[in-house]
C-alpha atoms as a PDB file:
ATOM      1  CA  MET A   1     -20.460 -97.378 -87.121  1.00  0.00           C
ATOM      2  CA  ALA A   2     -23.845 -98.987 -86.657  1.00  0.00           C
ATOM      3  CA  THR A   3     -26.623 -96.511 -87.228  1.00  0.00           C
ATOM      4  CA  SER A   4     -28.531 -97.925 -84.271  1.00  0.00           C
ATOM      5  CA  SER A   5     -25.913 -96.480 -81.890  1.00  0.00           C
ATOM      6  CA  LYS A   6     -26.174 -92.976 -83.307  1.00  0.00           C
ATOM      7  CA  VAL A   7     -27.648 -90.288 -81.066  1.00  0.00           C
ATOM      8  CA  PRO A   8     -30.646 -88.641 -82.783  1.00  0.00           C
ATOM      9  CA  VAL A   9     -30.229 -85.040 -83.887  1.00  0.00           C
ATOM     10  CA  GLU A  10     -32.824 -82.291 -83.576  1.00  0.00           C
ATOM     11  CA  HIS A  11     -34.210 -80.722 -86.748  1.00  0.00           C
ATOM     12  CA  VAL A  12     -35.468 -77.199 -86.097  1.00  0.00           C
ATOM     13  CA  LYS A  13     -35.978 -73.872 -87.834  1.00  0.00           C
ATOM     14  CA  GLY A  14     -33.274 -71.281 -87.343  1.00  0.00           C
ATOM     15  CA  VAL A  15     -32.982 -67.609 -88.289  1.00  0.00           C
ATOM     16  CA  ASN A  16     -35.343 -66.592 -91.112  1.00  0.00           C
ATOM     17  CA  GLY A  17     -36.805 -70.093 -91.119  1.00  0.00           C
ATOM     18  CA  LEU A  18     -33.613 -71.717 -92.397  1.00  0.00           C
ATOM     19  CA  GLU A  19     -33.379 -75.375 -91.397  1.00  0.00           C
ATOM     20  CA  LYS A  20     -30.725 -76.399 -88.909  1.00  0.00           C
ATOM     21  CA  VAL A  21     -29.789 -79.467 -86.885  1.00  0.00           C
ATOM     22  CA  ILE A  22     -28.612 -79.511 -83.279  1.00  0.00           C
ATOM     23  CA  LEU A  23     -26.194 -82.052 -81.810  1.00  0.00           C
ATOM     24  CA  ARG A  24     -26.043 -82.448 -78.026  1.00  0.00           C
ATOM     25  CA  GLU A  25     -23.549 -84.235 -75.802  1.00  0.00           C
ATOM     26  CA  GLY A  26     -23.198 -84.289 -72.010  1.00  0.00           C
ATOM     27  CA  ARG A  27     -24.722 -81.522 -69.894  1.00  0.00           C
ATOM     28  CA  LYS A  28     -24.502 -78.437 -72.085  1.00  0.00           C
ATOM     29  CA  CYS A  29     -22.234 -79.319 -75.026  1.00  0.00           C
ATOM     30  CA  SER A  30     -23.928 -78.608 -78.319  1.00  0.00           C
ATOM     31  CA  VAL A  31     -23.309 -77.869 -81.983  1.00  0.00           C
ATOM     32  CA  GLU A  32     -25.704 -76.176 -84.399  1.00  0.00           C
ATOM     33  CA  VAL A  33     -25.423 -76.737 -88.153  1.00  0.00           C
ATOM     34  CA  TYR A  34     -27.392 -74.901 -90.831  1.00  0.00           C
ATOM     35  CA  LEU A  35     -28.169 -76.920 -93.938  1.00  0.00           C
ATOM     36  CA  TYR A  36     -27.623 -73.657 -95.793  1.00  0.00           C
ATOM     37  CA  GLY A  37     -23.880 -73.828 -96.391  1.00  0.00           C
ATOM     38  CA  GLY A  38     -23.378 -77.013 -94.363  1.00  0.00           C
ATOM     39  CA  HIS A  39     -22.436 -74.318 -91.887  1.00  0.00           C
ATOM     40  CA  VAL A  40     -21.582 -74.825 -88.200  1.00  0.00           C
ATOM     41  CA  THR A  41     -22.843 -71.679 -86.444  1.00  0.00           C
ATOM     42  CA  SER A  42     -22.540 -72.642 -82.775  1.00  0.00           C
ATOM     43  CA  TRP A  43     -20.291 -74.831 -80.619  1.00  0.00           C
ATOM     44  CA  LYS A  44     -20.808 -74.726 -76.874  1.00  0.00           C
ATOM     45  CA  ASN A  45     -18.829 -76.404 -74.100  1.00  0.00           C
ATOM     46  CA  ASN A  46     -20.091 -78.101 -70.955  1.00  0.00           C
ATOM     47  CA  ASN A  47     -20.519 -74.720 -69.282  1.00  0.00           C
ATOM     48  CA  GLY A  48     -22.743 -73.569 -72.125  1.00  0.00           C
ATOM     49  CA  GLU A  49     -20.116 -71.059 -73.292  1.00  0.00           C
ATOM     50  CA  GLU A  50     -20.097 -70.214 -76.995  1.00  0.00           C
ATOM     51  CA  LEU A  51     -16.749 -71.075 -78.566  1.00  0.00           C
ATOM     52  CA  LEU A  52     -17.350 -69.803 -82.099  1.00  0.00           C
ATOM     53  CA  PHE A  53     -17.878 -66.221 -83.236  1.00  0.00           C
ATOM     54  CA  VAL A  54     -20.887 -65.284 -85.354  1.00  0.00           C
ATOM     55  CA  SER A  55     -21.370 -61.611 -86.119  1.00  0.00           C
ATOM     56  CA  SER A  56     -24.395 -59.879 -84.612  1.00  0.00           C
ATOM     57  CA  LYS A  57     -24.899 -58.470 -88.112  1.00  0.00           C
ATOM     58  CA  ALA A  58     -24.654 -61.825 -89.923  1.00  0.00           C
ATOM     59  CA  ILE A  59     -27.183 -62.055 -92.748  1.00  0.00           C
ATOM     60  CA  PHE A  60     -29.011 -65.395 -92.636  1.00  0.00           C
ATOM     61  CA  LYS A  61     -30.488 -64.922 -96.069  1.00  0.00           C
ATOM     62  CA  PRO A  62     -29.403 -66.663 -99.301  1.00  0.00           C
ATOM     63  CA  PRO A  63     -27.365 -66.051-101.355  1.00  0.00           C
ATOM     64  CA  LYS A  64     -25.270 -64.253 -98.706  1.00  0.00           C
ATOM     65  CA  ALA A  65     -22.891 -66.521 -96.782  1.00  0.00           C
ATOM     66  CA  ILE A  66     -23.259 -66.523 -92.983  1.00  0.00           C
ATOM     67  CA  ARG A  67     -20.603 -64.330 -91.325  1.00  0.00           C
ATOM     68  CA  GLY A  68     -18.926 -66.433 -88.666  1.00  0.00           C
ATOM     69  CA  GLY A  69     -18.971 -70.023 -87.419  1.00  0.00           C
ATOM     70  CA  ILE A  70     -17.260 -72.435 -89.823  1.00  0.00           C
ATOM     71  CA  PRO A  71     -17.924 -71.620 -93.481  1.00  0.00           C
ATOM     72  CA  ILE A  72     -16.774 -74.271 -95.980  1.00  0.00           C
ATOM     73  CA  CYS A  73     -14.546 -72.813 -98.717  1.00  0.00           C
ATOM     74  CA  PHE A  74     -14.893 -75.021-101.830  1.00  0.00           C
ATOM     75  CA  PRO A  75     -14.035 -75.344-104.705  1.00  0.00           C
ATOM     76  CA  GLN A  76     -11.725 -72.439-104.088  1.00  0.00           C
ATOM     77  CA  PHE A  77     -10.260 -70.362-101.332  1.00  0.00           C
ATOM     78  CA  SER A  78      -9.981 -66.637-102.104  1.00  0.00           C
ATOM     79  CA  SER A  79     -10.851 -65.274-105.553  1.00  0.00           C
ATOM     80  CA  HIS A  80      -9.867 -66.707-108.919  1.00  0.00           C
ATOM     81  CA  GLY A  81     -11.513 -66.567-112.331  1.00  0.00           C
ATOM     82  CA  SER A  82     -15.292 -66.475-112.600  1.00  0.00           C
ATOM     83  CA  LEU A  83     -16.085 -68.197-109.302  1.00  0.00           C
ATOM     84  CA  GLU A  84     -17.205 -66.117-106.342  1.00  0.00           C
ATOM     85  CA  GLN A  85     -14.798 -65.577-103.460  1.00  0.00           C
ATOM     86  CA  HIS A  86     -14.265 -68.747-101.407  1.00  0.00           C
ATOM     87  CA  GLY A  87     -16.347 -70.812-103.828  1.00  0.00           C
ATOM     88  CA  PHE A  88     -20.008 -71.697-103.601  1.00  0.00           C
ATOM     89  CA  ALA A  89     -20.322 -74.519-101.037  1.00  0.00           C
ATOM     90  CA  ARG A  90     -20.949 -72.008 -98.232  1.00  0.00           C
ATOM     91  CA  ASN A  91     -24.056 -70.587 -99.907  1.00  0.00           C
ATOM     92  CA  ARG A  92     -25.731 -73.716-101.244  1.00  0.00           C
ATOM     93  CA  PHE A  93     -28.389 -75.820 -99.542  1.00  0.00           C
ATOM     94  CA  TRP A  94     -26.971 -79.156 -98.381  1.00  0.00           C
ATOM     95  CA  SER A  95     -29.027 -82.287 -97.743  1.00  0.00           C
ATOM     96  CA  ILE A  96     -28.984 -84.791 -94.904  1.00  0.00           C
ATOM     97  CA  ASP A  97     -26.993 -87.782 -96.172  1.00  0.00           C
ATOM     98  CA  THR A  98     -29.258 -90.701 -95.284  1.00  0.00           C
ATOM     99  CA  ASP A  99     -27.002 -93.433 -96.625  1.00  0.00           C
ATOM    100  CA  PRO A 100     -23.379 -92.362 -96.198  1.00  0.00           C
ATOM    101  CA  PRO A 101     -20.524 -94.780 -96.824  1.00  0.00           C
ATOM    102  CA  PRO A 102     -18.595 -95.759 -93.678  1.00  0.00           C
ATOM    103  CA  PHE A 103     -16.556 -92.971 -92.104  1.00  0.00           C
ATOM    104  CA  PRO A 104     -13.402 -94.009 -90.228  1.00  0.00           C
ATOM    105  CA  THR A 105     -14.557 -92.205 -87.102  1.00  0.00           C
ATOM    106  CA  ASN A 106     -13.838 -93.122 -83.490  1.00  0.00           C
ATOM    107  CA  THR A 107     -16.593 -95.575 -82.553  1.00  0.00           C
ATOM    108  CA  THR A 108     -17.187 -93.797 -79.220  1.00  0.00           C
ATOM    109  CA  TYR A 109     -18.420 -90.758 -81.160  1.00  0.00           C
ATOM    110  CA  LYS A 110     -22.161 -91.323 -81.476  1.00  0.00           C
ATOM    111  CA  THR A 111     -23.353 -87.737 -81.898  1.00  0.00           C
ATOM    112  CA  PHE A 112     -22.982 -86.695 -85.520  1.00  0.00           C
ATOM    113  CA  VAL A 113     -24.765 -85.614 -88.655  1.00  0.00           C
ATOM    114  CA  ASP A 114     -23.898 -86.471 -92.254  1.00  0.00           C
ATOM    115  CA  LEU A 115     -24.521 -83.896 -94.972  1.00  0.00           C
ATOM    116  CA  ILE A 116     -24.069 -84.095 -98.730  1.00  0.00           C
ATOM    117  CA  LEU A 117     -23.734 -81.533-101.512  1.00  0.00           C
ATOM    118  CA  LYS A 118     -24.015 -82.274-105.220  1.00  0.00           C
ATOM    119  CA  PRO A 119     -23.838 -79.743-108.066  1.00  0.00           C
ATOM    120  CA  SER A 120     -26.961 -78.231-109.518  1.00  0.00           C
ATOM    121  CA  GLU A 121     -27.322 -77.509-113.225  1.00  0.00           C
ATOM    122  CA  GLU A 122     -26.529 -73.871-112.465  1.00  0.00           C
ATOM    123  CA  ASP A 123     -23.381 -74.863-110.539  1.00  0.00           C
ATOM    124  CA  ILE A 124     -22.129 -76.927-113.468  1.00  0.00           C
ATOM    125  CA  LYS A 125     -22.403 -73.855-115.690  1.00  0.00           C
ATOM    126  CA  ILE A 126     -19.928 -71.954-113.514  1.00  0.00           C
ATOM    127  CA  TRP A 127     -17.770 -74.935-112.449  1.00  0.00           C
ATOM    128  CA  PRO A 128     -18.258 -77.716-115.037  1.00  0.00           C
ATOM    129  CA  HIS A 129     -17.570 -80.750-112.869  1.00  0.00           C
ATOM    130  CA  SER A 130     -19.591 -83.470-111.201  1.00  0.00           C
ATOM    131  CA  TYR A 131     -18.765 -84.294-107.574  1.00  0.00           C
ATOM    132  CA  GLU A 132     -20.133 -85.586-104.306  1.00  0.00           C
ATOM    133  CA  PHE A 133     -19.120 -83.640-101.204  1.00  0.00           C
ATOM    134  CA  ARG A 134     -19.864 -85.526 -98.001  1.00  0.00           C
ATOM    135  CA  LEU A 135     -19.442 -83.756 -94.668  1.00  0.00           C
ATOM    136  CA  ARG A 136     -19.615 -85.429 -91.272  1.00  0.00           C
ATOM    137  CA  ILE A 137     -19.896 -83.134 -88.252  1.00  0.00           C
ATOM    138  CA  THR A 138     -19.251 -84.916 -84.966  1.00  0.00           C
ATOM    139  CA  LEU A 139     -19.537 -83.816 -81.339  1.00  0.00           C
ATOM    140  CA  GLY A 140     -17.309 -85.980 -79.148  1.00  0.00           C
ATOM    141  CA  PRO A 141     -18.028 -87.165 -75.600  1.00  0.00           C
ATOM    142  CA  GLY A 142     -15.763 -84.455 -74.159  1.00  0.00           C
ATOM    143  CA  GLY A 143     -17.235 -81.730 -76.326  1.00  0.00           C
ATOM    144  CA  ASP A 144     -14.612 -81.943 -79.080  1.00  0.00           C
ATOM    145  CA  LEU A 145     -15.814 -80.867 -82.514  1.00  0.00           C
ATOM    146  CA  MET A 146     -14.710 -82.772 -85.612  1.00  0.00           C
ATOM    147  CA  LEU A 147     -15.422 -82.063 -89.270  1.00  0.00           C
ATOM    148  CA  ILE A 148     -14.528 -84.617 -91.933  1.00  0.00           C
ATOM    149  CA  SER A 149     -14.944 -83.691 -95.597  1.00  0.00           C
ATOM    150  CA  ARG A 150     -14.873 -86.267 -98.370  1.00  0.00           C
ATOM    151  CA  ILE A 151     -14.945 -85.029-101.946  1.00  0.00           C
ATOM    152  CA  ARG A 152     -15.263 -87.476-104.840  1.00  0.00           C
ATOM    153  CA  ASN A 153     -14.877 -86.800-108.559  1.00  0.00           C
ATOM    154  CA  THR A 154     -17.971 -88.259-110.262  1.00  0.00           C
ATOM    155  CA  ASN A 155     -17.276 -86.851-113.735  1.00  0.00           C
ATOM    156  CA  LEU A 156     -18.412 -89.215-116.486  1.00  0.00           C
ATOM    157  CA  ASP A 157     -16.300 -87.515-119.171  1.00  0.00           C
ATOM    158  CA  GLY A 158     -12.997 -88.799-117.789  1.00  0.00           C
ATOM    159  CA  LYS A 159     -11.813 -85.332-116.782  1.00  0.00           C
ATOM    160  CA  PRO A 160      -9.963 -84.597-113.548  1.00  0.00           C
ATOM    161  CA  PHE A 161     -10.676 -81.455-111.548  1.00  0.00           C
ATOM    162  CA  SER A 162      -8.668 -79.386-109.084  1.00  0.00           C
ATOM    163  CA  PHE A 163      -9.771 -77.366-106.090  1.00  0.00           C
ATOM    164  CA  THR A 164      -8.548 -75.491-103.049  1.00  0.00           C
ATOM    165  CA  PHE A 165     -10.271 -75.731 -99.683  1.00  0.00           C
ATOM    166  CA  ALA A 166     -10.514 -74.276 -96.175  1.00  0.00           C
ATOM    167  CA  TYR A 167     -12.511 -74.655 -92.981  1.00  0.00           C
ATOM    168  CA  HIS A 168     -12.897 -70.892 -92.406  1.00  0.00           C
ATOM    169  CA  THR A 169     -13.202 -71.196 -88.607  1.00  0.00           C
ATOM    170  CA  TYR A 170     -14.070 -68.088 -86.573  1.00  0.00           C
ATOM    171  CA  PHE A 171     -12.990 -68.599 -82.958  1.00  0.00           C
ATOM    172  CA  SER A 172     -14.573 -66.516 -80.200  1.00  0.00           C
ATOM    173  CA  VAL A 173     -11.874 -64.781 -78.147  1.00  0.00           C
ATOM    174  CA  SER A 174     -12.037 -62.415 -75.189  1.00  0.00           C
ATOM    175  CA  ASP A 175      -9.718 -59.744 -76.638  1.00  0.00           C
ATOM    176  CA  ILE A 176      -7.644 -60.143 -79.801  1.00  0.00           C
ATOM    177  CA  SER A 177      -4.768 -58.210 -78.185  1.00  0.00           C
ATOM    178  CA  GLU A 178      -4.572 -60.928 -75.503  1.00  0.00           C
ATOM    179  CA  VAL A 179      -4.411 -63.848 -77.941  1.00  0.00           C
ATOM    180  CA  ARG A 180      -1.368 -65.677 -79.265  1.00  0.00           C
ATOM    181  CA  VAL A 181      -1.101 -68.494 -81.789  1.00  0.00           C
ATOM    182  CA  GLU A 182       1.603 -71.145 -81.443  1.00  0.00           C
ATOM    183  CA  GLY A 183       2.645 -73.841 -83.899  1.00  0.00           C
ATOM    184  CA  LEU A 184       3.232 -71.621 -86.946  1.00  0.00           C
ATOM    185  CA  GLU A 185       6.546 -70.044 -85.977  1.00  0.00           C
ATOM    186  CA  THR A 186       9.471 -70.273 -88.485  1.00  0.00           C
ATOM    187  CA  LEU A 187       7.070 -71.190 -91.320  1.00  0.00           C
ATOM    188  CA  ASP A 188       6.899 -69.537 -94.715  1.00  0.00           C
ATOM    189  CA  TYR A 189       3.657 -67.697 -95.402  1.00  0.00           C
ATOM    190  CA  LEU A 190       1.939 -65.838 -98.212  1.00  0.00           C
ATOM    191  CA  ASP A 191       0.819 -62.378 -97.110  1.00  0.00           C
ATOM    192  CA  ASN A 192      -2.508 -61.442 -98.698  1.00  0.00           C
ATOM    193  CA  LEU A 193      -1.920 -57.836 -97.623  1.00  0.00           C
ATOM    194  CA  GLU A 194       1.289 -57.781 -99.701  1.00  0.00           C
ATOM    195  CA  GLU A 195      -0.068 -59.300-102.939  1.00  0.00           C
ATOM    196  CA  LYS A 196       0.711 -62.830-101.718  1.00  0.00           C
ATOM    197  CA  GLU A 197       4.420 -62.123-101.339  1.00  0.00           C
ATOM    198  CA  ARG A 198       6.243 -64.925 -99.520  1.00  0.00           C
ATOM    199  CA  PHE A 199       7.840 -64.276 -96.119  1.00  0.00           C
ATOM    200  CA  THR A 200       9.146 -66.350 -93.191  1.00  0.00           C
ATOM    201  CA  GLU A 201       7.516 -66.003 -89.778  1.00  0.00           C
ATOM    202  CA  GLN A 202      10.039 -64.520 -87.343  1.00  0.00           C
ATOM    203  CA  GLY A 203       8.230 -64.440 -83.998  1.00  0.00           C
ATOM    204  CA  ASP A 204       8.165 -67.227 -81.425  1.00  0.00           C
ATOM    205  CA  ALA A 205       4.369 -66.905 -81.509  1.00  0.00           C
ATOM    206  CA  ILE A 206       1.851 -64.859 -83.454  1.00  0.00           C
ATOM    207  CA  THR A 207       0.264 -61.899 -81.649  1.00  0.00           C
ATOM    208  CA  PHE A 208      -2.099 -59.256 -82.997  1.00  0.00           C
ATOM    209  CA  GLU A 209      -1.758 -55.487 -83.232  1.00  0.00           C
ATOM    210  CA  SER A 210      -3.187 -54.826 -86.709  1.00  0.00           C
ATOM    211  CA  GLU A 211      -4.881 -56.514 -89.651  1.00  0.00           C
ATOM    212  CA  VAL A 212      -3.579 -60.016 -90.433  1.00  0.00           C
ATOM    213  CA  ASP A 213      -4.296 -62.133 -93.521  1.00  0.00           C
ATOM    214  CA  LYS A 214      -1.671 -64.844 -93.993  1.00  0.00           C
ATOM    215  CA  ILE A 215      -1.522 -68.322 -95.512  1.00  0.00           C
ATOM    216  CA  TYR A 216       1.040 -70.457 -93.640  1.00  0.00           C
ATOM    217  CA  LEU A 217       2.509 -73.195 -95.802  1.00  0.00           C
ATOM    218  CA  SER A 218       3.178 -76.807 -94.760  1.00  0.00           C
ATOM    219  CA  ALA A 219       1.922 -76.116 -91.249  1.00  0.00           C
ATOM    220  CA  LEU A 220       2.105 -78.549 -88.364  1.00  0.00           C
ATOM    221  CA  ASN A 221      -0.938 -80.740 -87.834  1.00  0.00           C
ATOM    222  CA  LYS A 222      -1.472 -79.079 -84.422  1.00  0.00           C
ATOM    223  CA  ILE A 223      -1.985 -75.358 -83.852  1.00  0.00           C
ATOM    224  CA  ALA A 224      -2.795 -73.701 -80.520  1.00  0.00           C
ATOM    225  CA  ILE A 225      -4.849 -70.528 -80.090  1.00  0.00           C
ATOM    226  CA  ILE A 226      -4.187 -69.260 -76.559  1.00  0.00           C
ATOM    227  CA  ASP A 227      -6.729 -66.881 -75.021  1.00  0.00           C
ATOM    228  CA  HIS A 228      -4.868 -65.378 -72.072  1.00  0.00           C
ATOM    229  CA  GLU A 229      -7.836 -63.566 -70.543  1.00  0.00           C
ATOM    230  CA  LYS A 230     -10.141 -66.607 -70.572  1.00  0.00           C
ATOM    231  CA  LYS A 231      -7.261 -68.920 -69.616  1.00  0.00           C
ATOM    232  CA  ARG A 232      -8.226 -71.393 -72.307  1.00  0.00           C
ATOM    233  CA  THR A 233      -6.567 -72.786 -75.385  1.00  0.00           C
ATOM    234  CA  PHE A 234      -8.141 -74.007 -78.581  1.00  0.00           C
ATOM    235  CA  VAL A 235      -6.160 -76.830 -80.143  1.00  0.00           C
ATOM    236  CA  LEU A 236      -6.744 -77.332 -83.853  1.00  0.00           C
ATOM    237  CA  ARG A 237      -5.695 -80.686 -85.283  1.00  0.00           C
ATOM    238  CA  LYS A 238      -5.834 -81.303 -89.005  1.00  0.00           C
ATOM    239  CA  GLU A 239      -5.305 -84.078 -91.541  1.00  0.00           C
ATOM    240  CA  GLY A 240      -5.132 -83.794 -95.327  1.00  0.00           C
ATOM    241  CA  LEU A 241      -4.904 -80.011 -95.035  1.00  0.00           C
ATOM    242  CA  PRO A 242      -1.274 -78.884 -95.254  1.00  0.00           C
ATOM    243  CA  ASP A 243      -1.792 -75.125 -94.923  1.00  0.00           C
ATOM    244  CA  ALA A 244      -3.254 -72.782 -92.316  1.00  0.00           C
ATOM    245  CA  VAL A 245      -4.842 -69.347 -92.690  1.00  0.00           C
ATOM    246  CA  VAL A 246      -4.770 -66.676 -89.967  1.00  0.00           C
ATOM    247  CA  TRP A 247      -7.122 -63.708 -90.427  1.00  0.00           C
ATOM    248  CA  ASN A 248      -8.411 -60.745 -88.495  1.00  0.00           C
ATOM    249  CA  PRO A 249      -9.824 -57.755 -90.430  1.00  0.00           C
ATOM    250  CA  TRP A 250      -9.047 -55.139 -87.720  1.00  0.00           C
ATOM    251  CA  ASP A 251     -10.901 -51.841 -87.521  1.00  0.00           C
ATOM    252  CA  LYS A 252     -10.947 -50.392 -91.056  1.00  0.00           C
ATOM    253  CA  LYS A 253     -12.019 -53.591 -92.830  1.00  0.00           C
ATOM    254  CA  ALA A 254     -14.526 -54.366 -90.052  1.00  0.00           C
ATOM    255  CA  LYS A 255     -16.245 -51.023 -90.654  1.00  0.00           C
ATOM    256  CA  ALA A 256     -16.324 -51.682 -94.394  1.00  0.00           C
ATOM    257  CA  MET A 257     -18.249 -54.969 -94.032  1.00  0.00           C
ATOM    258  CA  ALA A 258     -22.025 -54.610 -93.880  1.00  0.00           C
ATOM    259  CA  ASP A 259     -22.423 -57.961 -92.098  1.00  0.00           C
ATOM    260  CA  PHE A 260     -19.776 -57.332 -89.417  1.00  0.00           C
ATOM    261  CA  GLY A 261     -19.929 -55.073 -86.351  1.00  0.00           C
ATOM    262  CA  ASP A 262     -17.452 -52.195 -86.205  1.00  0.00           C
ATOM    263  CA  ASP A 263     -15.757 -53.445 -83.032  1.00  0.00           C
ATOM    264  CA  GLU A 264     -16.364 -57.184 -83.400  1.00  0.00           C
ATOM    265  CA  TYR A 265     -12.838 -57.789 -84.733  1.00  0.00           C
ATOM    266  CA  LYS A 266     -11.697 -57.531 -81.095  1.00  0.00           C
ATOM    267  CA  HIS A 267     -13.586 -60.707 -80.205  1.00  0.00           C
ATOM    268  CA  MET A 268     -12.800 -63.062 -83.088  1.00  0.00           C
ATOM    269  CA  LEU A 269      -9.897 -64.746 -84.809  1.00  0.00           C
ATOM    270  CA  CYS A 270      -9.946 -66.977 -87.861  1.00  0.00           C
ATOM    271  CA  VAL A 271      -7.463 -69.855 -87.846  1.00  0.00           C
ATOM    272  CA  GLU A 272      -8.238 -72.194 -90.697  1.00  0.00           C
ATOM    273  CA  ALA A 273      -7.103 -75.653 -91.738  1.00  0.00           C
ATOM    274  CA  ALA A 274      -6.657 -75.375 -95.495  1.00  0.00           C
ATOM    275  CA  ALA A 275      -5.228 -76.713 -98.728  1.00  0.00           C
ATOM    276  CA  ILE A 276      -4.345 -73.663-100.812  1.00  0.00           C
ATOM    277  CA  GLU A 277      -0.778 -73.498-102.122  1.00  0.00           C
ATOM    278  CA  LYS A 278      -0.982 -76.790-104.008  1.00  0.00           C
ATOM    279  CA  PRO A 279      -4.489 -77.459-105.374  1.00  0.00           C
ATOM    280  CA  ILE A 280      -5.887 -80.950-104.882  1.00  0.00           C
ATOM    281  CA  THR A 281      -6.482 -82.817-108.141  1.00  0.00           C
ATOM    282  CA  LEU A 282      -8.876 -85.760-108.390  1.00  0.00           C
ATOM    283  CA  ARG A 283      -9.336 -88.062-111.349  1.00  0.00           C
ATOM    284  CA  PRO A 284     -12.798 -89.591-111.888  1.00  0.00           C
ATOM    285  CA  GLY A 285     -13.580 -92.002-109.065  1.00  0.00           C
ATOM    286  CA  GLU A 286     -10.901 -90.606-106.767  1.00  0.00           C
ATOM    287  CA  GLU A 287     -11.744 -89.201-103.338  1.00  0.00           C
ATOM    288  CA  TRP A 288     -10.009 -86.694-101.072  1.00  0.00           C
ATOM    289  CA  LYS A 289     -10.489 -86.464 -97.299  1.00  0.00           C
ATOM    290  CA  GLY A 290      -9.738 -83.494 -95.067  1.00  0.00           C
ATOM    291  CA  LYS A 291     -10.302 -83.463 -91.308  1.00  0.00           C
ATOM    292  CA  GLN A 292     -10.326 -80.719 -88.700  1.00  0.00           C
ATOM    293  CA  GLU A 293     -10.673 -81.462 -84.990  1.00  0.00           C
ATOM    294  CA  LEU A 294     -11.137 -78.712 -82.402  1.00  0.00           C
ATOM    295  CA  ILE A 295     -10.659 -79.179 -78.664  1.00  0.00           C
ATOM    296  CA  VAL A 296     -10.564 -76.724 -75.766  1.00  0.00           C
ATOM    297  CA  VAL A 297      -8.274 -77.092 -72.758  1.00  0.00           C
ATOM    298  CA  PRO A 298      -7.506 -74.861 -69.754  1.00  0.00           C
ATOM    299  CA  SER A 299      -4.242 -72.964 -70.151  1.00  0.00           C
ATOM    300  CA  SER A 300      -2.147 -70.290 -68.530  1.00  0.00           C
ATOM    301  CA  TYR A 301       0.982 -68.331 -69.308  1.00  0.00           C
ATOM    302  CA  CYS A 302       4.320 -69.491 -67.959  1.00  0.00           C
ATOM    303  CA  SER A 303       7.221 -67.348 -69.196  1.00  0.00           C
ATOM    304  CA  GLY A 304       5.318 -66.794 -72.417  1.00  0.00           C
ATOM    305  CA  GLN A 305       5.073 -70.504 -73.152  1.00  0.00           C
ATOM    306  CA  LEU A 306       2.050 -72.729 -73.490  1.00  0.00           C
ATOM    307  CA  ASP A 307       1.501 -74.536 -70.195  1.00  0.00           C
ATOM    308  CA  PRO A 308       1.369 -77.475 -70.360  1.00  0.00           C
ATOM    309  CA  GLN A 309       3.390 -77.747 -73.551  1.00  0.00           C
ATOM    310  CA  ARG A 310       2.195 -81.282 -74.147  1.00  0.00           C
ATOM    311  CA  VAL A 311      -1.102 -79.841 -75.372  1.00  0.00           C
ATOM    312  CA  LEU A 312       0.635 -78.663 -78.513  1.00  0.00           C
ATOM    313  CA  PHE A 313       3.612 -80.941 -78.848  1.00  0.00           C
ATOM    314  CA  GLY A 314       2.550 -84.080 -77.021  1.00  0.00           C
END
């Protein structure tokens, strides 16, 4: 895409003076991205409605990750070895990528920002690999939000590295008890509340009555999050990310988190495009790409089915 056609982005100071950029499209569509974490913290539609959840108690102060929005989990999802939970990309300062290589993005999408993360000397001590992580965040003409991650192994010692990954997306919902997720039925999942034991999803859709923390394996590339009360559906489309995480902490865990309101679990749901079960391995010079696209469409119930069904299956 020619840089001359790109819509300029606003550079402003956010909470606690942290730098952020704002993308705007149409009347009221906007996206806000903090350079701290390469972290999308706001996505608004043409009515100015906020579509992402960020906790009122979120701590915008390094090294704490921002609670809500779309944290980037890299180079690991969850906790393994000496790395902190969900890796370190979400609490590092990213830079504006002033000379990105071409992204295969729809040429009608002119509102975007390119960020880049490279390891510091301290990072290499805890994860001894050299990489370039490029992130393009795009706001489409209709208000669609797209994130494309490209991770390249730049090791000079000939060594490959492996990682797991997730876009830890917090959706804003009216009432978690009125939400259902379609597109994950019949799949096998790992239940983090049962020491990652493997089960098969039995319901025709996922509904919520208690804490949920599941990793769905080999998920469809389209997942629908239906908010009955708001009569809207989020459609998540993904590429290069075979798994999907569904998480809501419910009341006890919510109260145990200092950066999360006691009752805020009622108004959020994490559905995450991810690559977890089978780590991605890159040899030097190799690059991986993972894309998540989020759209919002009007929806209503019709005998418990998504209406129109073509949103999910078309």
